[in-house]
Amino acid sequence: MSVMSTITVTVPATTANLGPGFDCIGAALSLYNRFQFSRLEPSATEKLKITVTGAEAAKVKTDESNLAYVAFVTLYDRLNQSAPPVAIHI
């Protein structure tokens, strides 16, 4: 059995931050955030590599405080495993 080396997670945008009332009128958005997680080789000197493209990319944290990375580590914590070295592209 082979281990998947890359997985992409697509998260739809929400109307929650638009202001009051937008959620109850059913505003539809065709905006998404895409997160691609790829295993780094265990021998890699970097244990975390985060790259970001798109509008506002400069505002996204690229260190261990990045929420995508925090969620990744939390998943492995819940599985009682150590998180492997990972490259995340947002």
N, C-alpha and C. Protein backbone atom coordinates (compact mmCIF):
# COMPACT_ATOMS: atom_id res chain seq x y z
N MET A 1 0.84 -1.18 0.00
CA MET A 1 0.00 0.00 0.00
C MET A 1 0.89 1.24 0.00
N SER A 2 0.65 2.15 -0.92
CA SER A 2 1.45 3.36 -1.00
C SER A 2 0.82 4.47 -0.17
N VAL A 3 1.66 5.37 0.28
CA VAL A 3 1.20 6.51 1.07
C VAL A 3 1.06 7.70 0.14
N MET A 4 -0.07 8.38 0.22
CA MET A 4 -0.28 9.55 -0.63
C MET A 4 0.74 10.63 -0.24
N SER A 5 1.38 11.21 -1.23
CA SER A 5 2.40 12.21 -0.94
C SER A 5 1.87 13.63 -1.02
N THR A 6 0.73 13.85 -1.70
CA THR A 6 0.15 15.19 -1.82
C THR A 6 -1.36 15.10 -1.69
N ILE A 7 -1.92 16.06 -0.97
CA ILE A 7 -3.38 16.15 -0.85
C ILE A 7 -3.76 17.63 -0.97
N THR A 8 -4.87 17.89 -1.66
CA THR A 8 -5.36 19.26 -1.81
C THR A 8 -6.70 19.38 -1.10
N VAL A 9 -6.82 20.42 -0.28
CA VAL A 9 -8.05 20.70 0.44
C VAL A 9 -8.60 22.01 -0.10
N THR A 10 -9.87 22.01 -0.54
CA THR A 10 -10.52 23.21 -1.05
C THR A 10 -11.61 23.62 -0.07
N VAL A 11 -11.53 24.87 0.39
CA VAL A 11 -12.46 25.37 1.39
C VAL A 11 -13.25 26.53 0.79
N PRO A 12 -14.59 26.42 0.75
CA PRO A 12 -15.39 27.51 0.19
C PRO A 12 -15.38 28.74 1.09
N ALA A 13 -15.51 29.90 0.46
CA ALA A 13 -15.59 31.16 1.21
C ALA A 13 -16.91 31.21 1.97
N THR A 14 -16.95 32.07 2.96
CA THR A 14 -18.15 32.23 3.77
C THR A 14 -18.67 33.66 3.68
N THR A 15 -19.96 33.82 3.87
CA THR A 15 -20.54 35.17 3.90
C THR A 15 -20.49 35.75 5.30
N ALA A 16 -19.97 35.02 6.26
CA ALA A 16 -19.98 35.45 7.66
C ALA A 16 -19.29 36.79 7.87
N ASN A 17 -18.24 37.07 7.11
CA ASN A 17 -17.50 38.31 7.33
C ASN A 17 -18.01 39.48 6.48
N LEU A 18 -19.06 39.28 5.70
CA LEU A 18 -19.61 40.36 4.89
C LEU A 18 -20.44 41.34 5.71
N GLY A 19 -20.99 40.87 6.80
CA GLY A 19 -21.82 41.72 7.65
C GLY A 19 -23.14 41.03 7.95
N PRO A 20 -23.94 41.64 8.81
CA PRO A 20 -25.20 41.02 9.21
C PRO A 20 -26.17 40.90 8.03
N GLY A 21 -26.90 39.80 8.00
CA GLY A 21 -27.95 39.61 7.01
C GLY A 21 -27.56 38.84 5.78
N PHE A 22 -26.28 38.79 5.44
CA PHE A 22 -25.88 38.11 4.21
C PHE A 22 -26.08 36.61 4.29
N ASP A 23 -25.94 36.04 5.49
CA ASP A 23 -26.13 34.60 5.62
C ASP A 23 -27.59 34.20 5.43
N CYS A 24 -28.52 35.03 5.87
CA CYS A 24 -29.93 34.65 5.79
C CYS A 24 -30.53 34.90 4.40
N ILE A 25 -29.87 35.69 3.56
CA ILE A 25 -30.39 35.87 2.19
C ILE A 25 -29.77 34.87 1.22
N GLY A 26 -28.87 34.07 1.73
CA GLY A 26 -28.29 33.00 0.90
C GLY A 26 -27.37 33.50 -0.18
N ALA A 27 -26.56 34.51 0.12
CA ALA A 27 -25.60 35.01 -0.86
C ALA A 27 -24.65 33.88 -1.27
N ALA A 28 -24.47 33.72 -2.55
CA ALA A 28 -23.59 32.67 -3.07
C ALA A 28 -22.25 33.27 -3.47
N LEU A 29 -21.19 32.64 -3.05
CA LEU A 29 -19.85 33.08 -3.41
C LEU A 29 -19.16 31.96 -4.18
N SER A 30 -18.42 32.34 -5.17
CA SER A 30 -17.64 31.33 -5.89
C SER A 30 -16.16 31.56 -5.61
N LEU A 31 -15.85 31.78 -4.36
CA LEU A 31 -14.48 31.99 -3.91
C LEU A 31 -14.05 30.80 -3.06
N TYR A 32 -12.80 30.42 -3.20
CA TYR A 32 -12.29 29.27 -2.46
C TYR A 32 -10.87 29.54 -2.01
N ASN A 33 -10.49 28.90 -0.92
CA ASN A 33 -9.09 28.81 -0.53
C ASN A 33 -8.67 27.38 -0.83
N ARG A 34 -7.51 27.23 -1.44
CA ARG A 34 -6.99 25.90 -1.73
C ARG A 34 -5.67 25.72 -0.99
N PHE A 35 -5.57 24.60 -0.32
CA PHE A 35 -4.38 24.26 0.45
C PHE A 35 -3.83 22.95 -0.08
N GLN A 36 -2.59 22.96 -0.50
CA GLN A 36 -1.96 21.73 -1.00
C GLN A 36 -0.87 21.33 -0.01
N PHE A 37 -1.02 20.13 0.54
CA PHE A 37 -0.07 19.60 1.50
C PHE A 37 0.75 18.52 0.81
N SER A 38 2.08 18.66 0.85
CA SER A 38 2.98 17.67 0.24
C SER A 38 4.02 17.26 1.27
N ARG A 39 4.25 15.96 1.33
CA ARG A 39 5.28 15.47 2.26
C ARG A 39 6.66 15.91 1.78
N LEU A 40 7.46 16.36 2.72
CA LEU A 40 8.87 16.62 2.44
C LEU A 40 9.64 15.35 2.80
N GLU A 41 10.75 15.14 2.18
CA GLU A 41 11.57 13.98 2.51
C GLU A 41 12.00 14.07 3.97
N PRO A 42 12.00 12.94 4.68
CA PRO A 42 12.41 12.96 6.09
C PRO A 42 13.82 13.52 6.29
N SER A 43 14.66 13.40 5.27
CA SER A 43 16.03 13.91 5.37
C SER A 43 16.14 15.40 5.06
N ALA A 44 15.03 16.04 4.70
CA ALA A 44 15.05 17.47 4.35
C ALA A 44 15.50 18.30 5.54
N THR A 45 16.26 19.34 5.25
CA THR A 45 16.71 20.22 6.33
C THR A 45 15.56 21.06 6.87
N GLU A 46 14.60 21.38 6.01
CA GLU A 46 13.41 22.11 6.44
C GLU A 46 12.34 21.12 6.86
N LYS A 47 11.69 21.39 7.97
CA LYS A 47 10.57 20.55 8.40
C LYS A 47 9.24 21.17 8.00
N LEU A 48 9.28 22.45 7.61
CA LEU A 48 8.07 23.16 7.20
C LEU A 48 8.43 24.16 6.11
N LYS A 49 7.67 24.14 5.03
CA LYS A 49 7.85 25.11 3.96
C LYS A 49 6.45 25.55 3.54
N ILE A 50 6.16 26.84 3.68
CA ILE A 50 4.86 27.38 3.31
C ILE A 50 5.05 28.41 2.21
N THR A 51 4.33 28.23 1.10
CA THR A 51 4.33 29.21 0.02
C THR A 51 2.90 29.69 -0.18
N VAL A 52 2.77 30.95 -0.53
CA VAL A 52 1.44 31.55 -0.68
C VAL A 52 1.42 32.37 -1.96
N THR A 53 0.35 32.23 -2.75
CA THR A 53 0.16 33.05 -3.94
C THR A 53 -1.23 33.66 -3.90
N GLY A 54 -1.41 34.67 -4.70
CA GLY A 54 -2.73 35.30 -4.78
C GLY A 54 -2.78 36.64 -4.05
N ALA A 55 -3.96 37.24 -4.11
CA ALA A 55 -4.17 38.54 -3.47
C ALA A 55 -3.92 38.42 -1.97
N GLU A 56 -3.29 39.40 -1.41
CA GLU A 56 -3.02 39.46 0.03
C GLU A 56 -2.04 38.39 0.50
N ALA A 57 -1.30 37.78 -0.41
CA ALA A 57 -0.36 36.71 -0.03
C ALA A 57 0.66 37.18 1.00
N ALA A 58 1.07 38.42 0.91
CA ALA A 58 2.08 38.94 1.83
C ALA A 58 1.58 38.99 3.28
N LYS A 59 0.27 38.96 3.47
CA LYS A 59 -0.29 39.03 4.82
C LYS A 59 -0.42 37.67 5.49
N VAL A 60 -0.18 36.59 4.75
CA VAL A 60 -0.34 35.24 5.30
C VAL A 60 0.96 34.81 5.97
N LYS A 61 0.84 34.32 7.20
CA LYS A 61 2.01 33.87 7.95
C LYS A 61 2.58 32.61 7.32
N THR A 62 3.90 32.54 7.26
CA THR A 62 4.55 31.37 6.66
C THR A 62 5.44 30.64 7.67
N ASP A 63 5.09 30.77 8.94
CA ASP A 63 5.84 30.06 9.98
C ASP A 63 4.91 29.07 10.68
N GLU A 64 5.34 28.55 11.81
CA GLU A 64 4.56 27.54 12.53
C GLU A 64 3.25 28.07 13.11
N SER A 65 3.03 29.38 13.08
CA SER A 65 1.76 29.93 13.57
C SER A 65 0.68 29.97 12.48
N ASN A 66 1.01 29.57 11.26
CA ASN A 66 0.03 29.52 10.17
C ASN A 66 -1.09 28.56 10.54
N LEU A 67 -2.35 28.98 10.39
CA LEU A 67 -3.48 28.17 10.83
C LEU A 67 -3.61 26.85 10.07
N ALA A 68 -3.22 26.82 8.81
CA ALA A 68 -3.25 25.56 8.06
C ALA A 68 -2.26 24.58 8.67
N TYR A 69 -1.08 25.08 9.05
CA TYR A 69 -0.09 24.21 9.67
C TYR A 69 -0.53 23.78 11.07
N VAL A 70 -1.12 24.70 11.82
CA VAL A 70 -1.63 24.36 13.16
C VAL A 70 -2.67 23.24 13.06
N ALA A 71 -3.58 23.34 12.07
CA ALA A 71 -4.59 22.29 11.88
C ALA A 71 -3.93 20.97 11.49
N PHE A 72 -2.91 21.02 10.65
CA PHE A 72 -2.17 19.83 10.23
C PHE A 72 -1.55 19.13 11.43
N VAL A 73 -0.88 19.90 12.27
CA VAL A 73 -0.23 19.33 13.46
C VAL A 73 -1.28 18.79 14.43
N THR A 74 -2.39 19.51 14.59
CA THR A 74 -3.46 19.07 15.49
C THR A 74 -4.02 17.72 15.05
N LEU A 75 -4.20 17.53 13.74
CA LEU A 75 -4.67 16.25 13.23
C LEU A 75 -3.75 15.12 13.67
N TYR A 76 -2.45 15.31 13.48
CA TYR A 76 -1.50 14.27 13.87
C TYR A 76 -1.46 14.08 15.39
N ASP A 77 -1.61 15.17 16.15
CA ASP A 77 -1.68 15.05 17.61
C ASP A 77 -2.85 14.17 18.02
N ARG A 78 -4.00 14.38 17.39
CA ARG A 78 -5.20 13.58 17.71
C ARG A 78 -5.01 12.11 17.36
N LEU A 79 -4.15 11.85 16.38
CA LEU A 79 -3.85 10.47 15.99
C LEU A 79 -2.69 9.88 16.79
N ASN A 80 -2.20 10.66 17.77
CA ASN A 80 -1.05 10.27 18.60
C ASN A 80 0.18 9.95 17.75
N GLN A 81 0.40 10.79 16.73
CA GLN A 81 1.55 10.64 15.85
C GLN A 81 2.26 11.98 15.72
N SER A 82 3.52 11.92 15.35
CA SER A 82 4.27 13.14 15.07
C SER A 82 3.97 13.59 13.65
N ALA A 83 3.77 14.87 13.48
CA ALA A 83 3.51 15.41 12.14
C ALA A 83 4.78 15.27 11.30
N PRO A 84 4.66 14.79 10.06
CA PRO A 84 5.83 14.67 9.20
C PRO A 84 6.23 16.03 8.64
N PRO A 85 7.45 16.14 8.13
CA PRO A 85 7.84 17.37 7.44
C PRO A 85 6.89 17.62 6.27
N VAL A 86 6.48 18.89 6.09
CA VAL A 86 5.44 19.17 5.10
C VAL A 86 5.71 20.49 4.38
N ALA A 87 5.32 20.51 3.10
CA ALA A 87 5.28 21.74 2.32
C ALA A 87 3.80 22.06 2.12
N ILE A 88 3.43 23.29 2.41
CA ILE A 88 2.04 23.72 2.25
C ILE A 88 2.03 24.87 1.25
N HIS A 89 1.21 24.71 0.21
CA HIS A 89 1.03 25.80 -0.75
C HIS A 89 -0.40 26.30 -0.61
N ILE A 90 -0.53 27.59 -0.39
CA ILE A 90 -1.84 28.22 -0.20
C ILE A 90 -2.09 29.17 -1.36
